Amino acid sequence: MTDDVKTHVKSKTTWTRLIYLILYAITYRVAGIVLFAITILQFIKALLTGSPFAQLQSFGGSLAEYNKETVAYLSYQSDEKPFPIAPCPPQNPPSASTTDDVIIVAESVEEKPKNPRTARPKKIDSDDTGTGSA
């Protein structure tokens, strides 16, 4: 083994990270079960009343952010530990409007003649000879 490998194997931070990885992997799985329960409750509420629970929507957004932070830590994209070490992601209330507003912007396009034989040729001014003198 090289000296770098020995240093990393003996490093306390490497083994501490392993413990955190195991604990956060467990919490990620539990969060998946909670998400499944929220999904079922939201579907049943929407089926019976036509709209989901607003509080569960807010909690679901917070849970999604927590899952994002957990995956980033587990995949070594981030060294910041998620909740409960860091603060819990904020619960954002669902937006009041559930419809998507679409704005379509059309550009004006110059119409080209369909048949080049019927189009009039462009007149060339006496100053526009194409010699490049201005």
Protein backbone atom coordinates (compact mmCIF):
# COMPACT_ATOMS: atom_id res chain seq x y z
CA MET A 1 0.00 0.00 0.00
CA THR A 2 1.13 3.50 -0.68
CA ASP A 3 1.43 6.12 2.01
CA ASP A 4 -1.66 7.99 0.73
CA VAL A 5 -3.84 4.91 1.01
CA LYS A 6 -2.56 4.17 4.51
CA THR A 7 -3.28 7.75 5.54
CA HIS A 8 -6.85 7.59 4.22
CA VAL A 9 -7.52 4.20 5.81
CA LYS A 10 -6.26 5.40 9.20
CA SER A 11 -8.09 8.74 8.95
CA LYS A 12 -10.76 9.29 11.58
CA THR A 13 -12.79 11.50 9.23
CA THR A 14 -13.09 8.68 6.67
CA TRP A 15 -14.60 6.30 9.24
CA THR A 16 -16.81 9.01 10.70
CA ARG A 17 -18.16 9.68 7.22
CA LEU A 18 -18.96 5.95 6.88
CA ILE A 19 -21.10 6.10 10.02
CA TYR A 20 -22.94 9.16 8.69
CA LEU A 21 -23.39 7.48 5.30
CA ILE A 22 -25.05 4.48 6.92
CA LEU A 23 -27.33 6.64 9.09
CA TYR A 24 -28.34 8.92 6.22
CA ALA A 25 -28.98 5.92 3.95
CA ILE A 26 -31.41 4.62 6.57
CA THR A 27 -33.13 8.01 6.91
CA TYR A 28 -33.38 8.23 3.11
CA ARG A 29 -35.22 4.90 3.04
CA VAL A 30 -37.57 6.04 5.82
CA ALA A 31 -38.21 9.28 3.92
CA GLY A 32 -39.18 7.16 0.91
CA ILE A 33 -41.78 5.33 3.00
CA VAL A 34 -43.12 8.65 4.32
CA LEU A 35 -43.30 9.97 0.76
CA PHE A 36 -45.29 6.91 -0.29
CA ALA A 37 -47.75 7.48 2.57
CA ILE A 38 -48.11 11.16 1.62
CA THR A 39 -48.75 10.14 -1.98
CA ILE A 40 -51.55 7.77 -1.00
CA LEU A 41 -53.17 10.33 1.34
CA GLN A 42 -52.97 13.09 -1.25
CA PHE A 43 -54.50 10.87 -3.91
CA ILE A 44 -57.39 9.82 -1.67
CA LYS A 45 -58.07 13.45 -0.64
CA ALA A 46 -57.93 14.62 -4.27
CA LEU A 47 -60.20 11.75 -5.31
CA LEU A 48 -62.84 12.58 -2.69
CA THR A 49 -62.71 16.38 -2.62
CA GLY A 50 -60.94 17.42 -5.82
CA SER A 51 -57.95 19.04 -4.12
CA PRO A 52 -55.01 17.77 -2.07
CA PHE A 53 -54.06 18.76 1.50
CA ALA A 54 -52.20 22.09 1.42
CA GLN A 55 -50.18 21.23 4.54
CA LEU A 56 -49.04 17.94 3.04
CA GLN A 57 -48.05 19.74 -0.15
CA SER A 58 -45.86 22.03 1.90
CA PHE A 59 -44.38 19.13 3.86
CA GLY A 60 -43.83 17.21 0.63
CA GLY A 61 -41.80 20.09 -0.77
CA SER A 62 -39.70 20.15 2.38
CA LEU A 63 -39.25 16.38 2.19
CA ALA A 64 -38.15 16.66 -1.44
CA GLU A 65 -35.52 19.25 -0.48
CA TYR A 66 -34.34 17.01 2.37
CA ASN A 67 -34.05 14.05 -0.01
CA LYS A 68 -32.05 16.23 -2.41
CA GLU A 69 -29.63 17.22 0.37
CA THR A 70 -29.35 13.61 1.54
CA VAL A 71 -28.58 12.29 -1.93
CA ALA A 72 -25.96 15.01 -2.41
CA TYR A 73 -24.26 13.96 0.84
CA LEU A 74 -24.49 10.23 0.12
CA SER A 75 -23.03 10.66 -3.37
CA TYR A 76 -20.16 12.87 -2.15
CA GLN A 77 -21.45 15.90 -4.06
CA SER A 78 -21.64 17.78 -0.78
CA ASP A 79 -19.84 17.61 2.54
CA GLU A 80 -22.67 19.39 4.36
CA LYS A 81 -24.66 17.00 6.49
CA PRO A 82 -28.45 17.28 6.10
CA PHE A 83 -31.01 17.44 8.92
CA PRO A 84 -30.73 16.68 11.91
CA ILE A 85 -27.15 18.01 11.85
CA ALA A 86 -28.07 20.98 9.65
CA PRO A 87 -31.33 22.95 9.91
CA CYS A 88 -34.45 21.39 8.47
CA PRO A 89 -35.39 22.60 4.97
CA PRO A 90 -38.13 25.26 5.12
CA GLN A 91 -41.72 24.37 4.36
CA ASN A 92 -42.90 26.54 1.49
CA PRO A 93 -46.66 26.98 1.16
CA PRO A 94 -48.05 25.71 -2.14
CA SER A 95 -48.64 28.33 -4.78
CA ALA A 96 -52.13 29.82 -4.82
CA SER A 97 -52.57 29.28 -8.53
CA THR A 98 -52.59 25.71 -9.73
CA THR A 99 -53.02 26.62 -13.37
CA ASP A 100 -50.08 27.25 -15.61
CA ASP A 101 -50.16 30.54 -17.46
CA VAL A 102 -48.70 30.25 -20.91
CA ILE A 103 -47.59 33.28 -22.84
CA ILE A 104 -46.95 32.77 -26.51
CA VAL A 105 -44.79 35.31 -28.30
CA ALA A 106 -44.86 35.21 -32.07
CA GLU A 107 -42.21 36.79 -34.21
CA SER A 108 -43.16 38.46 -37.44
CA VAL A 109 -41.61 36.76 -40.42
CA GLU A 110 -41.20 38.45 -43.76
CA GLU A 111 -43.23 36.69 -46.35
CA LYS A 112 -41.21 35.35 -49.22
CA PRO A 113 -42.80 34.97 -52.63
CA LYS A 114 -44.01 31.45 -53.23
CA ASN A 115 -43.06 31.38 -56.89
CA PRO A 116 -39.77 33.07 -57.86
CA ARG A 117 -40.99 33.56 -61.47
CA THR A 118 -43.85 35.79 -60.39
CA ALA A 119 -41.75 37.84 -57.99
CA ARG A 120 -40.54 41.20 -59.26
CA PRO A 121 -36.78 41.59 -59.57
CA LYS A 122 -35.14 44.02 -57.19
CA LYS A 123 -34.30 47.35 -58.78
CA ILE A 124 -30.68 48.36 -58.51
CA ASP A 125 -29.98 52.03 -57.96
CA SER A 126 -27.19 53.64 -59.93
CA ASP A 127 -25.28 54.14 -56.63
CA ASP A 128 -25.63 50.47 -55.71
CA THR A 129 -23.23 48.92 -58.21
CA GLY A 130 -21.59 46.56 -55.76
CA THR A 131 -18.11 47.99 -56.29
CA GLY A 132 -17.70 48.73 -52.61
CA SER A 133 -17.09 52.48 -53.00
CA ALA A 134 -19.11 54.57 -50.61
